[in-house]
N, C-alpha and C. Protein backbone atom coordinates (compact mmCIF):
# COMPACT_ATOMS: atom_id res chain seq x y z
N MET A 1 121.61 85.46 69.03
CA MET A 1 121.47 84.41 70.00
C MET A 1 120.20 84.68 70.80
N THR A 2 119.24 83.78 70.70
CA THR A 2 118.02 83.94 71.47
C THR A 2 117.92 82.77 72.45
N ASN A 3 118.15 83.05 73.68
CA ASN A 3 118.01 82.06 74.73
C ASN A 3 117.58 82.78 76.00
N SER A 4 117.41 82.05 77.08
CA SER A 4 116.91 82.68 78.30
C SER A 4 117.88 83.73 78.85
N LEU A 5 119.18 83.50 78.71
CA LEU A 5 120.15 84.49 79.19
C LEU A 5 120.05 85.77 78.38
N THR A 6 119.94 85.66 77.08
CA THR A 6 119.82 86.85 76.24
C THR A 6 118.54 87.60 76.58
N ARG A 7 117.43 86.88 76.76
CA ARG A 7 116.17 87.53 77.14
C ARG A 7 116.32 88.22 78.48
N HIS A 8 117.04 87.58 79.41
CA HIS A 8 117.28 88.19 80.72
C HIS A 8 118.09 89.48 80.56
N LEU A 9 119.12 89.44 79.75
CA LEU A 9 119.97 90.61 79.56
C LEU A 9 119.18 91.77 78.97
N PHE A 10 118.38 91.50 77.96
CA PHE A 10 117.58 92.57 77.38
C PHE A 10 116.43 92.95 78.31
N GLY A 11 116.02 92.04 79.18
CA GLY A 11 115.00 92.36 80.17
C GLY A 11 115.47 93.38 81.19
N ILE A 12 116.77 93.50 81.34
CA ILE A 12 117.34 94.50 82.24
C ILE A 12 116.82 95.89 81.88
N PHE A 13 116.61 96.11 80.61
CA PHE A 13 116.22 97.42 80.13
C PHE A 13 114.80 97.81 80.53
N GLU A 14 114.03 96.86 81.02
CA GLU A 14 112.63 97.14 81.35
C GLU A 14 112.50 97.91 82.66
N GLY A 15 113.57 97.97 83.45
CA GLY A 15 113.53 98.69 84.72
C GLY A 15 113.23 100.16 84.50
N GLN A 16 112.62 100.77 85.47
CA GLN A 16 112.21 102.16 85.34
C GLN A 16 113.40 103.10 85.28
N ASP A 17 114.41 102.85 86.08
CA ASP A 17 115.59 103.69 86.09
C ASP A 17 116.84 102.84 85.99
N THR A 18 117.03 102.19 84.85
CA THR A 18 118.19 101.33 84.67
C THR A 18 119.38 102.19 84.29
N PHE A 19 120.36 102.24 85.16
CA PHE A 19 121.59 102.94 84.85
C PHE A 19 122.48 102.01 84.03
N ILE A 20 123.30 102.59 83.22
CA ILE A 20 124.15 101.83 82.30
C ILE A 20 125.03 100.83 83.03
N TYR A 21 125.36 101.09 84.29
CA TYR A 21 126.23 100.17 85.02
C TYR A 21 125.57 98.82 85.24
N ARG A 22 124.24 98.79 85.33
CA ARG A 22 123.54 97.50 85.44
C ARG A 22 123.69 96.72 84.15
N VAL A 23 123.64 97.40 83.04
CA VAL A 23 123.80 96.74 81.75
C VAL A 23 125.22 96.19 81.62
N LEU A 24 126.20 96.96 82.03
CA LEU A 24 127.60 96.53 81.92
C LEU A 24 127.92 95.35 82.83
N ARG A 25 127.18 95.22 83.94
CA ARG A 25 127.40 94.08 84.84
C ARG A 25 127.05 92.77 84.17
N GLY A 26 126.04 92.81 83.31
CA GLY A 26 125.64 91.61 82.58
C GLY A 26 125.04 90.55 83.46
N PRO A 27 125.37 89.28 83.18
CA PRO A 27 124.73 88.18 83.90
C PRO A 27 125.35 87.89 85.27
N TYR A 28 126.26 88.71 85.71
CA TYR A 28 126.94 88.49 86.98
C TYR A 28 126.20 89.20 88.11
N SER A 29 126.35 88.66 89.32
CA SER A 29 125.73 89.30 90.49
C SER A 29 126.57 90.51 90.90
N GLN A 30 125.97 91.35 91.73
CA GLN A 30 126.72 92.49 92.25
C GLN A 30 127.93 92.03 93.04
N ASP A 31 127.77 90.96 93.81
CA ASP A 31 128.89 90.44 94.60
C ASP A 31 130.02 89.93 93.69
N GLU A 32 129.66 89.21 92.64
CA GLU A 32 130.67 88.70 91.72
C GLU A 32 131.43 89.85 91.05
N LEU A 33 130.70 90.87 90.63
CA LEU A 33 131.35 92.00 89.99
C LEU A 33 132.22 92.76 90.99
N ALA A 34 131.76 92.89 92.22
CA ALA A 34 132.55 93.58 93.25
C ALA A 34 133.90 92.89 93.44
N VAL A 35 133.90 91.56 93.47
CA VAL A 35 135.15 90.82 93.60
C VAL A 35 136.04 91.08 92.38
N THR A 36 135.46 91.03 91.20
CA THR A 36 136.22 91.26 89.97
C THR A 36 136.87 92.63 89.95
N LEU A 37 136.13 93.64 90.40
CA LEU A 37 136.63 95.01 90.37
C LEU A 37 137.41 95.40 91.61
N GLY A 38 137.33 94.57 92.66
CA GLY A 38 138.02 94.89 93.90
C GLY A 38 137.38 96.04 94.66
N VAL A 39 136.04 96.09 94.63
CA VAL A 39 135.32 97.14 95.35
C VAL A 39 134.31 96.49 96.29
N ASP A 40 133.77 97.28 97.19
CA ASP A 40 132.73 96.80 98.09
C ASP A 40 131.44 96.64 97.29
N PRO A 41 130.65 95.59 97.54
CA PRO A 41 129.38 95.41 96.82
C PRO A 41 128.44 96.61 96.92
N SER A 42 128.54 97.37 98.00
CA SER A 42 127.68 98.54 98.12
C SER A 42 127.99 99.59 97.06
N ALA A 43 129.23 99.60 96.57
CA ALA A 43 129.59 100.53 95.49
C ALA A 43 128.82 100.16 94.21
N ILE A 44 128.74 98.88 93.92
CA ILE A 44 128.01 98.42 92.73
C ILE A 44 126.55 98.83 92.86
N LEU A 45 125.98 98.62 94.03
CA LEU A 45 124.58 99.00 94.26
C LEU A 45 124.38 100.49 94.02
N ARG A 46 125.26 101.32 94.53
CA ARG A 46 125.15 102.78 94.32
C ARG A 46 125.21 103.13 92.83
N TRP A 47 126.14 102.51 92.09
CA TRP A 47 126.28 102.82 90.66
C TRP A 47 125.01 102.46 89.91
N GLU A 48 124.36 101.37 90.33
CA GLU A 48 123.20 100.86 89.60
C GLU A 48 121.90 101.52 89.99
N THR A 49 121.85 102.18 91.12
CA THR A 49 120.56 102.70 91.59
C THR A 49 120.55 104.20 91.85
N THR A 50 121.70 104.82 91.73
CA THR A 50 121.78 106.27 91.97
C THR A 50 122.64 106.89 90.87
N PRO A 51 122.71 108.19 90.83
CA PRO A 51 123.59 108.83 89.83
C PRO A 51 125.08 108.73 90.16
N ALA A 52 125.46 107.99 91.21
CA ALA A 52 126.87 107.82 91.55
C ALA A 52 127.61 107.15 90.40
N THR A 53 128.87 107.51 90.24
CA THR A 53 129.67 106.92 89.17
C THR A 53 130.95 106.31 89.73
N PRO A 54 131.46 105.29 89.04
CA PRO A 54 132.70 104.67 89.52
C PRO A 54 133.92 105.56 89.26
N GLN A 55 134.97 105.28 90.01
CA GLN A 55 136.25 105.93 89.77
C GLN A 55 136.75 105.50 88.38
N PRO A 56 137.56 106.30 87.71
CA PRO A 56 138.03 105.95 86.36
C PRO A 56 138.67 104.56 86.27
N GLU A 57 139.46 104.18 87.26
CA GLU A 57 140.09 102.86 87.23
C GLU A 57 139.04 101.75 87.28
N HIS A 58 138.01 101.92 88.12
CA HIS A 58 136.95 100.92 88.22
C HIS A 58 136.12 100.89 86.94
N LEU A 59 135.89 102.05 86.36
CA LEU A 59 135.14 102.11 85.10
C LEU A 59 135.88 101.38 83.99
N ARG A 60 137.19 101.56 83.94
CA ARG A 60 137.99 100.86 82.93
C ARG A 60 137.87 99.35 83.10
N HIS A 61 137.97 98.87 84.33
CA HIS A 61 137.84 97.44 84.58
C HIS A 61 136.41 96.95 84.31
N LEU A 62 135.43 97.77 84.59
CA LEU A 62 134.04 97.42 84.30
C LEU A 62 133.83 97.25 82.79
N LEU A 63 134.41 98.14 82.00
CA LEU A 63 134.29 98.03 80.54
C LEU A 63 135.02 96.79 80.02
N ILE A 64 136.18 96.50 80.57
CA ILE A 64 136.90 95.27 80.19
C ILE A 64 136.04 94.05 80.52
N HIS A 65 135.42 94.07 81.69
CA HIS A 65 134.52 92.98 82.11
C HIS A 65 133.36 92.84 81.12
N ALA A 66 132.75 93.96 80.75
CA ALA A 66 131.60 93.92 79.85
C ALA A 66 131.99 93.41 78.47
N VAL A 67 133.12 93.83 77.97
CA VAL A 67 133.59 93.34 76.67
C VAL A 67 133.81 91.83 76.74
N ALA A 68 134.40 91.35 77.83
CA ALA A 68 134.69 89.92 77.97
C ALA A 68 133.42 89.08 78.00
N TRP A 69 132.43 89.47 78.84
CA TRP A 69 131.24 88.61 78.93
C TRP A 69 130.38 88.69 77.68
N THR A 70 130.33 89.83 77.02
CA THR A 70 129.54 89.89 75.79
C THR A 70 130.20 89.07 74.69
N LYS A 71 131.52 89.12 74.62
CA LYS A 71 132.24 88.32 73.62
C LYS A 71 132.04 86.83 73.89
N MET A 72 132.11 86.45 75.17
CA MET A 72 131.92 85.05 75.55
C MET A 72 130.53 84.55 75.13
N LEU A 73 129.52 85.43 75.17
CA LEU A 73 128.16 85.06 74.82
C LEU A 73 127.82 85.34 73.36
N ASP A 74 128.84 85.74 72.60
CA ASP A 74 128.66 86.05 71.18
C ASP A 74 127.65 87.18 70.98
N LEU A 75 127.72 88.16 71.85
CA LEU A 75 126.90 89.37 71.74
C LEU A 75 127.82 90.54 71.44
N LYS A 76 127.23 91.61 70.98
CA LYS A 76 128.01 92.83 70.78
C LYS A 76 127.64 93.82 71.86
N LEU A 77 128.64 94.27 72.59
CA LEU A 77 128.40 95.25 73.63
C LEU A 77 127.76 96.50 73.04
N SER A 78 128.17 96.86 71.85
CA SER A 78 127.59 98.04 71.20
C SER A 78 126.08 97.89 71.00
N ASP A 79 125.61 96.67 70.71
CA ASP A 79 124.17 96.45 70.55
C ASP A 79 123.44 96.68 71.87
N LEU A 80 124.01 96.19 72.98
CA LEU A 80 123.38 96.39 74.28
C LEU A 80 123.36 97.88 74.64
N LEU A 81 124.44 98.56 74.38
CA LEU A 81 124.52 99.99 74.71
C LEU A 81 123.55 100.80 73.85
N GLU A 82 123.42 100.44 72.58
CA GLU A 82 122.46 101.13 71.71
C GLU A 82 121.03 100.90 72.18
N GLU A 83 120.73 99.67 72.59
CA GLU A 83 119.38 99.36 73.09
C GLU A 83 119.10 100.15 74.36
N HIS A 84 120.07 100.22 75.26
CA HIS A 84 119.91 101.00 76.48
C HIS A 84 119.62 102.46 76.14
N THR A 85 120.38 103.02 75.24
CA THR A 85 120.20 104.42 74.84
C THR A 85 118.83 104.64 74.22
N ARG A 86 118.43 103.74 73.35
CA ARG A 86 117.13 103.87 72.68
C ARG A 86 115.99 103.83 73.69
N ARG A 87 116.06 102.89 74.61
CA ARG A 87 114.98 102.77 75.59
C ARG A 87 114.92 103.95 76.54
N HIS A 88 116.06 104.49 76.91
CA HIS A 88 116.07 105.67 77.78
C HIS A 88 115.55 106.89 77.03
N ARG A 89 115.90 107.01 75.78
CA ARG A 89 115.44 108.13 74.97
C ARG A 89 113.93 108.07 74.76
N ASP A 90 113.41 106.87 74.56
CA ASP A 90 111.99 106.69 74.27
C ASP A 90 111.11 106.65 75.51
N ARG A 91 111.72 106.54 76.69
CA ARG A 91 110.95 106.44 77.92
C ARG A 91 110.23 107.76 78.20
N LYS A 92 108.99 107.66 78.55
CA LYS A 92 108.19 108.83 78.87
C LYS A 92 108.40 109.20 80.33
N PRO A 93 108.53 110.47 80.64
CA PRO A 93 108.68 110.86 82.04
C PRO A 93 107.42 110.54 82.83
N PRO A 94 107.56 110.31 84.14
CA PRO A 94 106.38 110.01 84.94
C PRO A 94 105.43 111.21 84.96
N PRO A 95 104.15 110.95 85.05
CA PRO A 95 103.17 112.06 85.06
C PRO A 95 103.33 112.91 86.31
N THR A 96 103.11 114.18 86.16
CA THR A 96 103.17 115.08 87.31
C THR A 96 101.74 115.45 87.71
N ASP A 97 101.55 115.70 88.97
CA ASP A 97 100.20 116.02 89.45
C ASP A 97 99.86 117.47 89.25
């Protein structure tokens, strides 16, 4: 499926420090996901921008959310996760002075 939403989703990977939680959020806003998971939006922000991780219960619901939206868009979550892994593996570390 090649459309603007798919390009947007794969564009997520272009960020310098994209944590997997941003990928799992998909096309939803942080506020929308916070409501879905029953957490404060600041928790979503921490997961996406720091090494903080969700509690196991929230992670389970996040994965259920990701499976649902990828299925709805006729995408494979495994493809998105593989692309995320590939881009992180291939990313060059920032130069040191």
